[in-house]
Protein backbone atom coordinates (compact mmCIF):
# COMPACT_ATOMS: atom_id res chain seq x y z
CA UNK A 1 -13.08 -67.30 -252.64
CA UNK A 2 -12.57 -65.98 -256.32
CA UNK A 3 -15.15 -65.94 -258.86
CA UNK A 4 -14.29 -65.14 -262.27
CA UNK A 5 -16.64 -63.83 -264.60
CA UNK A 6 -15.59 -63.85 -268.38
CA UNK A 7 -16.32 -60.96 -270.44
CA UNK A 8 -18.19 -63.16 -272.82
CA UNK A 9 -20.89 -63.95 -270.57
CA UNK A 10 -21.62 -60.38 -269.67
CA UNK A 11 -24.91 -58.72 -271.32
CA UNK A 12 -24.59 -56.68 -274.33
CA UNK A 13 -26.05 -54.57 -276.57
CA UNK A 14 -25.05 -53.03 -280.10
CA UNK A 15 -27.50 -49.96 -281.37
CA UNK A 16 -24.63 -49.54 -284.26
CA UNK A 17 -23.56 -45.95 -282.13
CA UNK A 18 -23.28 -47.50 -279.08
CA UNK A 19 -21.39 -51.29 -278.23
CA UNK A 20 -21.59 -52.22 -274.68
CA UNK A 21 -21.04 -54.66 -271.95
CA UNK A 22 -22.51 -54.84 -268.97
CA UNK A 23 -21.23 -57.13 -265.77
CA UNK A 24 -24.43 -56.42 -263.89
CA UNK A 25 -28.03 -56.55 -264.78
CA UNK A 26 -28.94 -53.09 -266.57
CA UNK A 27 -31.60 -51.76 -268.96
CA UNK A 28 -32.76 -54.61 -271.13
CA UNK A 29 -30.25 -56.86 -269.58
CA UNK A 30 -31.53 -58.95 -266.54
CA UNK A 31 -29.70 -61.52 -265.12
CA UNK A 32 -30.66 -62.71 -261.68
CA UNK A 33 -27.52 -64.18 -260.67
CA UNK A 34 -25.88 -61.08 -261.69
CA UNK A 35 -27.59 -57.87 -260.22
CA UNK A 36 -25.08 -56.17 -257.97
CA UNK A 37 -21.85 -56.88 -255.44
CA UNK A 38 -22.12 -55.84 -252.39
CA UNK A 39 -22.73 -51.91 -253.07
CA UNK A 40 -21.29 -52.05 -256.51
CA UNK A 41 -24.26 -52.08 -259.02
CA UNK A 42 -23.53 -51.36 -262.04
CA UNK A 43 -19.52 -51.66 -264.60
CA UNK A 44 -20.56 -50.84 -268.01
CA UNK A 45 -18.05 -50.82 -270.47
CA UNK A 46 -19.22 -48.50 -273.48
CA UNK A 47 -18.06 -47.61 -276.86
CA UNK A 48 -19.46 -44.75 -278.40
CA UNK A 49 -19.44 -43.59 -281.60
CA UNK A 50 -18.18 -40.68 -283.19
CA UNK A 51 -20.45 -37.39 -282.53
CA UNK A 52 -23.03 -39.99 -280.95
CA UNK A 53 -23.83 -40.14 -277.38
CA UNK A 54 -26.65 -39.76 -274.46
CA UNK A 55 -29.35 -37.23 -274.44
CA UNK A 56 -30.50 -35.56 -271.24
CA UNK A 57 -31.46 -38.30 -268.90
CA UNK A 58 -32.53 -38.06 -264.95
CA UNK A 59 -30.89 -40.29 -262.12
CA UNK A 60 -31.05 -40.22 -258.55
CA UNK A 61 -29.63 -42.08 -255.15
CA UNK A 62 -26.54 -43.61 -257.04
CA UNK A 63 -22.70 -42.70 -256.92
CA UNK A 64 -21.95 -43.01 -260.50
CA UNK A 65 -18.41 -42.79 -261.64
CA UNK A 66 -16.74 -42.57 -265.13
CA UNK A 67 -13.32 -43.27 -266.47
CA UNK A 68 -12.30 -43.14 -270.14
CA UNK A 69 -10.27 -45.54 -271.60
CA UNK A 70 -9.42 -43.68 -274.80
CA UNK A 71 -11.28 -40.72 -276.36
CA UNK A 72 -12.82 -37.88 -275.04
CA UNK A 73 -16.32 -37.70 -273.37
CA UNK A 74 -18.46 -34.55 -273.13
CA UNK A 75 -20.45 -33.85 -269.94
CA UNK A 76 -23.39 -31.21 -269.17
CA UNK A 77 -25.69 -31.59 -266.30
CA UNK A 78 -28.48 -29.59 -264.34
CA UNK A 79 -25.80 -28.00 -261.90
CA UNK A 80 -24.16 -26.27 -264.55
CA UNK A 81 -21.26 -28.15 -265.34
CA UNK A 82 -20.06 -28.75 -269.13
CA UNK A 83 -16.55 -30.86 -268.92
CA UNK A 84 -14.48 -32.76 -271.00
CA UNK A 85 -13.26 -36.21 -269.83
CA UNK A 86 -10.21 -37.54 -270.84
CA UNK A 87 -7.65 -40.73 -270.13
CA UNK A 88 -6.28 -40.49 -266.95
CA UNK A 89 -9.22 -38.54 -265.27
CA UNK A 90 -11.68 -39.50 -263.20
CA UNK A 91 -15.73 -38.10 -262.79
CA UNK A 92 -17.93 -38.57 -260.01
CA UNK A 93 -21.58 -37.56 -259.96
CA UNK A 94 -23.59 -37.81 -256.59
CA UNK A 95 -27.04 -38.15 -258.16
CA UNK A 96 -28.58 -37.73 -254.48
CA UNK A 97 -32.31 -36.12 -254.81
CA UNK A 98 -31.76 -35.90 -258.62
CA UNK A 99 -29.81 -35.20 -261.49
CA UNK A 100 -29.99 -34.51 -265.26
CA UNK A 101 -27.51 -35.11 -267.29
CA UNK A 102 -25.87 -35.68 -271.14
CA UNK A 103 -22.78 -37.37 -272.40
CA UNK A 104 -21.24 -37.27 -275.48
CA UNK A 105 -18.39 -38.20 -278.11
CA UNK A 106 -16.46 -35.14 -278.03
CA UNK A 107 -14.86 -36.47 -281.61
CA UNK A 108 -16.37 -36.50 -284.83
CA UNK A 109 -13.83 -38.87 -286.10
CA UNK A 110 -12.65 -41.03 -283.03
CA UNK A 111 -14.78 -43.44 -281.12
CA UNK A 112 -14.65 -43.08 -277.08
CA UNK A 113 -14.21 -46.00 -274.92
CA UNK A 114 -15.40 -45.84 -271.35
CA UNK A 115 -16.11 -47.62 -268.16
CA UNK A 116 -18.75 -46.50 -266.10
CA UNK A 117 -19.50 -47.29 -262.15
CA UNK A 118 -22.98 -47.24 -260.14
CA UNK A 119 -22.45 -47.67 -256.60
CA UNK A 120 -25.26 -47.54 -254.25
CA UNK A 121 -25.13 -44.96 -251.83
CA UNK A 122 -24.84 -45.08 -247.83
CA UNK A 123 -27.48 -42.67 -247.60
CA UNK A 124 -30.16 -41.29 -249.80
CA UNK A 125 -31.44 -38.23 -250.92
CA UNK A 126 -28.49 -36.30 -250.31
CA UNK A 127 -27.28 -32.97 -252.19
CA UNK A 128 -26.86 -34.00 -255.81
CA UNK A 129 -22.69 -32.70 -256.64
CA UNK A 130 -20.17 -33.44 -259.16
CA UNK A 131 -16.40 -33.68 -258.91
CA UNK A 132 -13.95 -34.44 -261.51
CA UNK A 133 -9.84 -34.93 -261.06
CA UNK A 134 -6.98 -35.97 -263.34
CA UNK A 135 -4.51 -38.69 -262.24
CA UNK A 136 -1.09 -38.91 -263.31
CA UNK A 137 0.26 -42.71 -263.54
CA UNK A 138 2.72 -43.66 -260.74
CA UNK A 139 6.10 -44.09 -262.53
CA UNK A 140 6.33 -47.81 -260.62
CA UNK A 141 5.94 -50.59 -263.27
CA UNK A 142 3.55 -52.25 -260.28
CA UNK A 143 1.32 -49.69 -258.91
CA UNK A 144 -2.14 -49.39 -257.01
CA UNK A 145 -3.66 -45.58 -257.11
CA UNK A 146 -6.78 -44.91 -255.36
CA UNK A 147 -9.03 -42.63 -257.36
CA UNK A 148 -12.31 -42.53 -254.88
CA UNK A 149 -13.13 -42.89 -251.25
CA UNK A 150 -15.34 -42.30 -248.79
CA UNK A 151 -12.78 -39.11 -247.65
CA UNK A 152 -11.05 -38.11 -250.61
CA UNK A 153 -7.90 -39.88 -249.39
CA UNK A 154 -4.43 -39.44 -251.57
CA UNK A 155 -6.49 -36.92 -253.39
CA UNK A 156 -9.02 -39.04 -254.80
CA UNK A 157 -12.78 -37.97 -255.66
CA UNK A 158 -15.28 -38.63 -252.37
CA UNK A 159 -17.88 -41.27 -252.65
CA UNK A 160 -21.19 -41.90 -250.17
CA UNK A 161 -20.32 -45.27 -249.68
CA UNK A 162 -17.93 -47.28 -247.77
CA UNK A 163 -15.87 -48.34 -250.50
CA UNK A 164 -12.49 -47.60 -252.49
CA UNK A 165 -11.90 -47.41 -256.08
CA UNK A 166 -8.03 -48.03 -257.25
CA UNK A 167 -6.26 -48.08 -260.93
CA UNK A 168 -3.65 -51.07 -260.61
CA UNK A 169 -1.07 -50.95 -263.70
CA UNK A 170 1.59 -53.62 -264.01
CA UNK A 171 3.87 -53.75 -266.54
CA UNK A 172 4.69 -57.15 -268.39
CA UNK A 173 6.15 -59.53 -265.80
CA UNK A 174 5.17 -57.32 -263.14
CA UNK A 175 3.10 -58.56 -259.67
CA UNK A 176 0.93 -56.67 -257.23
CA UNK A 177 -0.11 -58.31 -253.68
CA UNK A 178 -3.14 -56.58 -252.37
CA UNK A 179 -4.36 -57.26 -248.94
CA UNK A 180 -7.97 -56.96 -247.64
CA UNK A 181 -9.23 -56.10 -244.26
CA UNK A 182 -11.21 -58.46 -242.20
CA UNK A 183 -14.90 -59.07 -243.46
CA UNK A 184 -13.74 -56.61 -246.97
CA UNK A 185 -14.38 -58.02 -250.41
CA UNK A 186 -13.22 -57.11 -253.71
CA UNK A 187 -13.74 -56.90 -257.40
CA UNK A 188 -11.34 -56.61 -260.26
CA UNK A 189 -12.08 -55.24 -263.57
CA UNK A 190 -9.71 -55.60 -266.19
CA UNK A 191 -9.73 -52.78 -267.97
CA UNK A 192 -7.14 -53.40 -270.72
CA UNK A 193 -4.31 -55.78 -271.03
CA UNK A 194 -3.92 -59.35 -269.72
CA UNK A 195 -3.37 -60.39 -265.98
CA UNK A 196 -3.65 -63.21 -263.88
CA UNK A 197 -5.49 -63.19 -259.95
CA UNK A 198 -3.63 -65.74 -257.95
CA UNK A 199 -2.95 -67.60 -261.19
CA UNK A 200 -6.07 -67.75 -262.38
CA UNK A 201 -5.62 -65.53 -266.09
CA UNK A 202 -7.90 -62.65 -267.11
CA UNK A 203 -8.10 -61.22 -270.11
CA UNK A 204 -9.64 -57.55 -271.29
CA UNK A 205 -13.03 -57.09 -270.33
CA UNK A 206 -12.90 -59.98 -267.37
CA UNK A 207 -13.66 -59.43 -264.07
CA UNK A 208 -13.48 -61.54 -260.25
CA UNK A 209 -15.50 -61.01 -257.54
CA UNK A 210 -13.51 -61.81 -254.41
CA UNK A 211 -15.04 -62.88 -250.99
CA UNK A 212 -13.34 -64.70 -247.90
CA UNK A 213 -9.37 -63.85 -248.94
CA UNK A 214 -7.25 -61.70 -246.93
CA UNK A 215 -5.19 -61.37 -249.90
CA UNK A 216 -4.52 -61.86 -253.69
CA UNK A 217 -1.70 -61.26 -256.07
CA UNK A 218 -2.23 -59.46 -259.43
CA UNK A 219 0.19 -60.68 -262.10
CA UNK A 220 1.06 -59.65 -265.53
CA UNK A 221 2.17 -62.21 -267.90
CA UNK A 222 6.07 -61.67 -268.94
CA UNK A 223 5.17 -61.99 -272.76
CA UNK A 224 2.76 -59.37 -272.62
CA UNK A 225 2.39 -57.09 -275.58
CA UNK A 226 1.04 -53.91 -273.20
CA UNK A 227 0.73 -53.07 -269.52
CA UNK A 228 -2.03 -54.36 -267.92
CA UNK A 229 -5.02 -52.02 -266.34
CA UNK A 230 -7.71 -52.72 -263.71
CA UNK A 231 -10.08 -50.94 -261.56
CA UNK A 232 -9.77 -52.38 -258.13
CA UNK A 233 -12.72 -52.18 -255.73
CA UNK A 234 -12.21 -52.43 -251.99
CA UNK A 235 -15.58 -53.06 -250.58
CA UNK A 236 -17.68 -53.62 -247.31
């Protein structure tokens, strides 16, 4: 079964300096039909105005993964990390027993566009930690690149949950088949471009929850104006 979540049906806020879309219930957006999917608790797509951002605030017992689509995000946390996160890099923050951090648009002139993901961890109250890695996109016209996993496979960042996050990239006219192991589930989030999942069209911002399927195919239209880029979640 493939359940499509159109971008237009997501929760949204517009604070002037922040425009955000929420796939699942978050902050003041509440929809009992969209609370989470398996261990995937949050997919927020944020656009933050130049020089603005989120002041220091706490988190606990959550795996927080951030992926920047354009611009530069400045990060500071209570563990002493001060980092810049750019396109092509993945940041993982294990909140565990508690961590405080701040996130700002590092540019005074350009917005920063990002996707932030929260995954409920297998174990609660672990030691907080931080990891950030760059990932060079594969040269292949259709590719699936692992960026987060429980064991840090293929150089991915480590997360405390039986979940794997990959970036799928498809040039126009190309397709990619993805297999799921028995009793696994998947979620697809379109970061940019257009794609079809088993011939069902998706556009930027759309998502799809996948259950009871052993395989599915992602295809980019031949007349697409840009490559498609998607987040692919493999979940228990």
